Amino acid sequence: MYNIAALYKFAKIQNPLKIHNDIRSNLKKLSIKGTILVGEEGINGTISATLKDNLDEAIKFLKTIKGFNDLDVKYSMSKRNPFIRMKVKLKKEIVTIGDSSIDPTEQVGKYVDPKDWNKLLENEDTILIDTRNNYEYSIGTFKNSINPKTDKFREFPLWISKQKFSKKDKETKKIAMFCTGGIRCEKASSLMKNQGFKNVYHLKGGILKYFELISKTESKWKGECFVFDDRVSVKQDLSDGSYDMCHGCRMPITTKDKSSKKYIKGVSCSKCFDKKTKEQKSRYMSRQKQIDLAKKRNQIHIGPREEILN
């Protein structure tokens, strides 16, 4: 089994390069795999290890970094290897919204513990917004949530500006937001506060922490939750989900999707087949052959894939 930790925290970092190098050096010694983004606004990542003790040591180290002693961490396990290598990257934003005036280290909404989330959703004055992307929403979300239908998080501010919220809405309505691990809805809450919303809430620890702490019988979640690693999705008990991923467009796909004539393993699915050129398909087929060959040899194939974080 593989032990997994999704983590983040917004906190000012004076020397991101030094923190980047320290993290890479220390986690490499512990044989940690995954991706961590480091920027002036904080740290964001998902990491894994075969040994629980190694993962615990990695988290312990990250919490020694100044300002990160209360790092937000969500744990899960998987039979699949979610990552094949360790990457630590320097980024301008640890989650990209594209507006430098939005600063979660200065202003955010109110954190809502998972145990209090259901009660907030039952309030008739609550407007529930899913701050994730459209393909994530499509495989699971909270009942009665609004889907902004974004393809990228940086489109969220534009969606908000088009909603025409009245002054009364901004002063009286409860805006409740959520995302996979808590980072996007926290940054979105900073945006909403900047735009004059008075009652802004976001799910602390995101959907993953909600799954950790809330039983399925009490849960208001419907479906599965998309995750940004090779598991593709997780169920409410945090076990591996039923979705696979099209490596042509990076979208989640079902067993039914794979029955389509337009599905080619490692190349395309019905959602992207007609959008890919012959050259792209040929290149993807070549890549898939290398992956299959590496598996036959019991080797790990490290391709050009770029992990995306929530």
Protein backbone atom coordinates (compact mmCIF):
# COMPACT_ATOMS: atom_id res chain seq x y z
CA MET A 1 0.00 0.00 0.00
CA TYR A 2 1.04 3.59 -0.65
CA ASN A 3 0.62 6.27 2.01
CA ILE A 4 -0.47 9.65 0.61
CA ALA A 5 -0.63 13.17 2.04
CA ALA A 6 -2.22 16.17 0.31
CA LEU A 7 -0.96 19.39 1.92
CA TYR A 8 -0.90 23.16 1.63
CA LYS A 9 -0.67 26.40 3.53
CA PHE A 10 -0.68 30.05 2.57
CA ALA A 11 2.17 31.75 4.43
CA LYS A 12 4.75 34.38 3.45
CA ILE A 13 8.06 32.89 2.28
CA GLN A 14 10.96 35.34 2.06
CA ASN A 15 13.34 33.02 0.21
CA PRO A 16 11.37 30.47 -1.88
CA LEU A 17 14.51 29.14 -3.60
CA LYS A 18 16.09 28.14 -0.29
CA ILE A 19 12.89 26.46 0.88
CA HIS A 20 12.62 24.72 -2.50
CA ASN A 21 16.15 23.32 -2.17
CA ASP A 22 15.67 22.30 1.46
CA ILE A 23 12.45 20.43 0.66
CA ARG A 24 13.94 18.64 -2.33
CA SER A 25 17.02 17.57 -0.36
CA ASN A 26 15.16 16.32 2.71
CA LEU A 27 12.34 14.52 0.91
CA LYS A 28 14.74 12.81 -1.47
CA LYS A 29 16.50 11.23 1.52
CA LEU A 30 13.16 9.81 2.65
CA SER A 31 12.33 8.32 -0.80
CA ILE A 32 9.24 10.52 -1.08
CA LYS A 33 7.41 10.77 -4.41
CA GLY A 34 4.97 13.44 -5.59
CA THR A 35 4.86 17.14 -6.44
CA ILE A 36 5.32 20.20 -4.24
CA LEU A 37 4.93 23.79 -5.40
CA VAL A 38 6.78 26.53 -3.52
CA GLY A 39 6.12 30.26 -3.90
CA GLU A 40 6.19 33.49 -1.96
CA GLU A 41 2.59 32.83 -0.89
CA GLY A 42 3.19 29.33 0.53
CA ILE A 43 3.43 25.61 -0.20
CA ASN A 44 1.05 23.26 -2.04
CA GLY A 45 1.50 19.60 -2.87
CA THR A 46 0.68 15.92 -2.71
CA ILE A 47 3.31 13.38 -1.71
CA SER A 48 3.46 9.63 -1.12
CA ALA A 49 5.68 6.95 0.38
CA THR A 50 5.55 3.19 0.73
CA LEU A 51 6.63 3.50 4.37
CA LYS A 52 4.29 5.42 6.70
CA ASP A 53 7.24 6.39 8.90
CA ASN A 54 8.92 8.10 5.94
CA LEU A 55 5.79 10.07 5.12
CA ASP A 56 5.44 11.09 8.77
CA GLU A 57 9.06 12.27 8.80
CA ALA A 58 8.46 14.29 5.61
CA ILE A 59 5.42 16.03 7.13
CA LYS A 60 7.35 16.61 10.35
CA PHE A 61 10.13 18.31 8.37
CA LEU A 62 7.71 20.49 6.39
CA LYS A 63 6.13 21.67 9.64
CA THR A 64 9.55 22.87 10.87
CA ILE A 65 9.64 25.48 8.09
CA LYS A 66 8.90 28.89 9.58
CA GLY A 67 5.18 29.65 9.34
CA PHE A 68 4.15 26.08 8.47
CA ASN A 69 3.78 24.42 11.88
CA ASP A 70 0.01 24.16 11.26
CA LEU A 71 0.32 22.86 7.69
CA ASP A 72 -3.04 21.55 6.43
CA VAL A 73 -2.65 17.81 5.74
CA LYS A 74 -5.11 15.18 4.45
CA TYR A 75 -4.18 11.48 4.51
CA SER A 76 -5.26 8.54 2.38
CA MET A 77 -3.93 5.21 1.10
CA SER A 78 -3.90 3.49 -2.26
CA LYS A 79 -3.02 0.16 -3.82
CA ARG A 80 -1.85 2.10 -6.86
CA ASN A 81 1.41 4.02 -7.02
CA PRO A 82 0.11 7.60 -7.33
CA PHE A 83 3.48 9.09 -8.35
CA ILE A 84 6.62 7.84 -10.05
CA ARG A 85 9.06 10.57 -9.02
CA MET A 86 9.55 13.60 -6.76
CA LYS A 87 9.26 17.12 -8.17
CA VAL A 88 9.65 20.37 -6.26
CA LYS A 89 8.86 23.48 -8.31
CA LEU A 90 9.16 27.22 -7.82
CA LYS A 91 5.94 29.03 -8.77
CA LYS A 92 4.67 32.60 -8.71
CA GLU A 93 1.37 31.27 -7.33
CA ILE A 94 0.94 27.91 -5.59
CA VAL A 95 -2.58 27.83 -7.04
CA THR A 96 -3.11 30.09 -10.03
CA ILE A 97 -5.93 32.62 -10.01
CA GLY A 98 -4.06 35.29 -12.00
CA ASP A 99 -4.76 38.31 -9.80
CA SER A 100 -1.92 39.59 -7.63
CA SER A 101 -4.33 41.65 -5.49
CA ILE A 102 -5.76 38.44 -4.01
CA ASP A 103 -3.70 37.53 -0.95
CA PRO A 104 -4.95 34.75 1.35
CA THR A 105 -2.18 35.56 3.84
CA GLU A 106 -3.91 38.93 4.42
CA GLN A 107 -7.62 38.16 4.09
CA VAL A 108 -9.76 35.01 3.80
CA GLY A 109 -13.25 33.84 4.63
CA LYS A 110 -14.23 31.77 7.65
CA TYR A 111 -12.96 28.19 7.85
CA VAL A 112 -15.70 25.63 8.38
CA ASP A 113 -14.77 22.33 9.99
CA PRO A 114 -16.17 19.29 8.13
CA LYS A 115 -18.33 18.41 11.16
CA ASP A 116 -20.09 21.80 10.83
CA TRP A 117 -20.35 21.79 7.02
CA ASN A 118 -23.69 19.98 6.70
CA LYS A 119 -25.40 22.44 9.01
CA LEU A 120 -24.19 25.38 6.90
CA LEU A 121 -25.51 23.72 3.74
CA GLU A 122 -28.94 23.32 5.31
CA ASN A 123 -29.24 27.09 5.89
CA GLU A 124 -31.65 28.56 3.32
CA ASP A 125 -29.50 31.69 2.95
CA THR A 126 -26.45 29.66 1.86
CA ILE A 127 -25.21 29.84 -1.72
CA LEU A 128 -23.01 26.76 -2.29
CA ILE A 129 -20.28 27.12 -4.93
CA ASP A 130 -17.97 24.38 -6.22
CA THR A 131 -14.69 26.18 -7.02
CA ARG A 132 -13.26 23.22 -8.93
CA ASN A 133 -13.27 22.72 -12.69
CA ASN A 134 -16.11 21.39 -14.80
CA TYR A 135 -14.63 17.91 -15.34
CA GLU A 136 -14.18 17.52 -11.56
CA TYR A 137 -17.77 18.58 -10.91
CA SER A 138 -18.99 16.06 -13.50
CA ILE A 139 -17.95 13.00 -11.46
CA GLY A 140 -19.07 14.18 -8.03
CA THR A 141 -20.08 17.19 -5.93
CA PHE A 142 -22.20 18.28 -2.97
CA LYS A 143 -25.94 18.23 -3.51
CA ASN A 144 -27.32 21.55 -4.81
CA SER A 145 -23.89 23.08 -5.47
CA ILE A 146 -23.39 25.62 -8.26
CA ASN A 147 -21.03 24.65 -11.08
CA PRO A 148 -19.13 27.68 -12.50
CA LYS A 149 -18.20 25.48 -15.51
CA THR A 150 -14.59 26.63 -15.55
CA ASP A 151 -11.80 24.76 -17.32
CA LYS A 152 -9.13 26.39 -15.14
CA PHE A 153 -9.24 28.03 -11.72
CA ARG A 154 -8.01 31.33 -13.15
CA GLU A 155 -11.40 31.62 -14.91
CA PHE A 156 -13.21 31.77 -11.56
CA PRO A 157 -12.90 35.57 -11.02
CA LEU A 158 -14.52 36.22 -14.41
CA TRP A 159 -17.37 33.85 -13.57
CA ILE A 160 -17.99 35.70 -10.28
CA SER A 161 -18.05 39.06 -12.07
CA LYS A 162 -20.77 37.78 -14.43
CA GLN A 163 -23.13 36.65 -11.65
CA LYS A 164 -24.52 40.14 -10.90
CA PHE A 165 -24.75 39.66 -7.15
CA SER A 166 -26.75 42.51 -5.61
CA LYS A 167 -25.54 44.62 -2.69
CA LYS A 168 -28.13 42.86 -0.53
CA ASP A 169 -26.82 39.44 -1.61
CA LYS A 170 -23.28 40.47 -0.67
CA GLU A 171 -24.43 41.63 2.76
CA THR A 172 -26.92 38.90 3.69
CA LYS A 173 -26.22 35.68 1.79
CA LYS A 174 -23.81 33.06 3.12
CA ILE A 175 -21.32 32.13 0.39
CA ALA A 176 -20.03 28.58 1.06
CA MET A 177 -17.23 27.27 -1.15
CA PHE A 178 -15.30 24.03 -1.40
CA CYS A 179 -12.62 22.28 -3.44
CA THR A 180 -10.55 19.09 -3.31
CA GLY A 181 -8.08 19.93 -0.56
CA GLY A 182 -9.11 23.41 0.57
CA ILE A 183 -6.58 25.58 -1.27
CA ARG A 184 -8.71 26.84 -4.17
CA CYS A 185 -11.76 27.65 -2.05
CA GLU A 186 -9.52 29.46 0.45
CA LYS A 187 -8.05 31.63 -2.31
CA ALA A 188 -11.52 32.12 -3.79
CA SER A 189 -12.72 33.31 -0.37
CA SER A 190 -10.04 36.02 -0.44
CA LEU A 191 -11.37 37.12 -3.84
CA MET A 192 -14.94 37.24 -2.54
CA LYS A 193 -13.95 39.30 0.51
CA ASN A 194 -12.12 41.73 -1.79
CA GLN A 195 -15.32 42.14 -3.78
CA GLY A 196 -17.41 43.08 -0.76
CA PHE A 197 -19.04 39.81 0.28
CA LYS A 198 -19.55 39.87 4.06
CA ASN A 199 -20.37 36.24 4.89
CA VAL A 200 -17.83 34.03 3.13
CA TYR A 201 -17.13 30.45 4.24
CA HIS A 202 -14.88 27.69 2.93
CA LEU A 203 -14.55 24.01 3.81
CA LYS A 204 -11.41 23.50 5.90
CA GLY A 205 -9.30 20.72 4.41
CA GLY A 206 -11.64 20.44 1.45
CA ILE A 207 -13.50 17.38 0.25
CA LEU A 208 -10.67 15.05 1.25
CA LYS A 209 -10.85 16.09 4.91
CA TYR A 210 -14.66 15.86 4.76
CA PHE A 211 -14.29 12.25 3.53
CA GLU A 212 -11.86 11.55 6.39
CA LEU A 213 -14.16 12.80 9.13
CA ILE A 214 -17.76 12.38 7.92
CA SER A 215 -19.39 8.95 7.57
CA LYS A 216 -21.05 8.00 4.30
CA THR A 217 -24.45 7.83 6.02
CA GLU A 218 -24.12 11.48 7.12
CA SER A 219 -22.43 12.71 3.95
CA LYS A 220 -24.10 15.14 1.55
CA TRP A 221 -21.61 14.27 -1.19
CA LYS A 222 -22.79 12.60 -4.39
CA GLY A 223 -20.39 10.58 -6.56
CA GLU A 224 -16.59 10.40 -6.41
CA CYS A 225 -13.88 13.04 -6.03
CA PHE A 226 -11.30 13.73 -8.71
CA VAL A 227 -7.70 13.79 -7.44
CA PHE A 228 -4.60 15.05 -9.21
CA ASP A 229 -2.54 11.87 -9.33
CA ASP A 230 -2.67 8.43 -10.93
CA ARG A 231 -5.60 7.31 -8.77
CA VAL A 232 -7.77 9.73 -10.84
CA SER A 233 -10.59 9.65 -8.26
CA VAL A 234 -11.40 8.46 -4.75
CA LYS A 235 -14.62 7.23 -3.19
CA GLN A 236 -16.11 8.59 0.03
CA ASP A 237 -14.17 6.04 2.09
CA LEU A 238 -10.99 7.38 0.39
CA SER A 239 -10.44 4.10 -1.45
CA ASP A 240 -9.42 4.16 -5.12
CA GLY A 241 -12.24 5.36 -7.37
CA SER A 242 -13.75 3.77 -10.48
CA TYR A 243 -12.46 6.32 -13.01
CA ASP A 244 -9.49 6.08 -15.34
CA MET A 245 -7.85 8.93 -17.22
CA CYS A 246 -7.56 9.66 -20.92
CA HIS A 247 -3.90 10.44 -21.48
CA GLY A 248 -4.79 12.43 -24.57
CA CYS A 249 -6.88 15.10 -22.83
CA ARG A 250 -6.31 14.30 -19.11
CA MET A 251 -10.06 13.96 -18.51
CA PRO A 252 -11.62 11.28 -16.27
CA ILE A 253 -13.23 8.41 -18.19
CA THR A 254 -15.45 5.47 -17.26
CA THR A 255 -15.49 1.84 -18.39
CA LYS A 256 -18.33 2.81 -20.74
CA ASP A 257 -16.16 5.56 -22.26
CA LYS A 258 -13.54 2.93 -23.02
CA SER A 259 -16.03 0.97 -25.14
CA SER A 260 -16.16 3.84 -27.64
CA LYS A 261 -14.44 3.32 -30.99
CA LYS A 262 -12.75 6.65 -30.39
CA TYR A 263 -11.04 5.40 -27.26
CA ILE A 264 -7.42 4.43 -27.87
CA LYS A 265 -5.43 3.59 -24.77
CA GLY A 266 -2.90 6.31 -24.03
CA VAL A 267 -4.01 8.31 -27.07
CA SER A 268 -7.61 9.55 -27.05
CA CYS A 269 -11.21 9.17 -25.91
CA SER A 270 -14.55 10.23 -27.38
CA LYS A 271 -14.09 13.68 -25.82
CA CYS A 272 -10.82 14.47 -27.59
CA PHE A 273 -10.46 12.06 -30.56
CA ASP A 274 -11.72 14.59 -33.13
CA LYS A 275 -9.59 17.38 -31.63
CA LYS A 276 -6.27 15.54 -31.99
CA THR A 277 -4.18 15.75 -35.16
CA LYS A 278 -2.72 12.68 -36.83
CA GLU A 279 0.72 13.80 -35.67
CA GLN A 280 -0.43 14.01 -32.06
CA LYS A 281 -2.08 10.60 -32.19
CA SER A 282 1.03 9.09 -33.72
CA ARG A 283 3.20 10.63 -31.00
CA TYR A 284 0.88 9.41 -28.24
CA MET A 285 0.80 5.90 -29.72
CA SER A 286 4.59 5.83 -29.73
CA ARG A 287 4.62 6.95 -26.09
CA GLN A 288 2.11 4.25 -25.12
CA LYS A 289 4.23 1.58 -26.81
CA GLN A 290 7.19 2.68 -24.69
CA ILE A 291 5.04 2.52 -21.55
CA ASP A 292 3.79 -0.98 -22.40
CA LEU A 293 7.33 -2.13 -23.18
CA ALA A 294 8.61 -0.74 -19.87
CA LYS A 295 5.85 -2.62 -17.99
CA LYS A 296 6.82 -5.89 -19.67
CA ARG A 297 10.37 -5.32 -18.49
CA ASN A 298 9.13 -4.43 -15.01
CA GLN A 299 10.53 -0.92 -15.40
CA ILE A 300 9.07 2.51 -14.64
CA HIS A 301 8.45 4.70 -17.66
CA ILE A 302 8.93 8.40 -16.86
CA GLY A 303 7.21 10.39 -19.55
CA PRO A 304 6.65 14.13 -20.00
CA ARG A 305 3.49 14.20 -17.89
CA GLU A 306 2.92 17.27 -15.77
CA GLU A 307 1.09 16.76 -12.48
CA ILE A 308 -1.57 19.33 -11.70
CA LEU A 309 -2.38 20.25 -8.14
CA ASN A 310 -5.70 21.25 -6.68
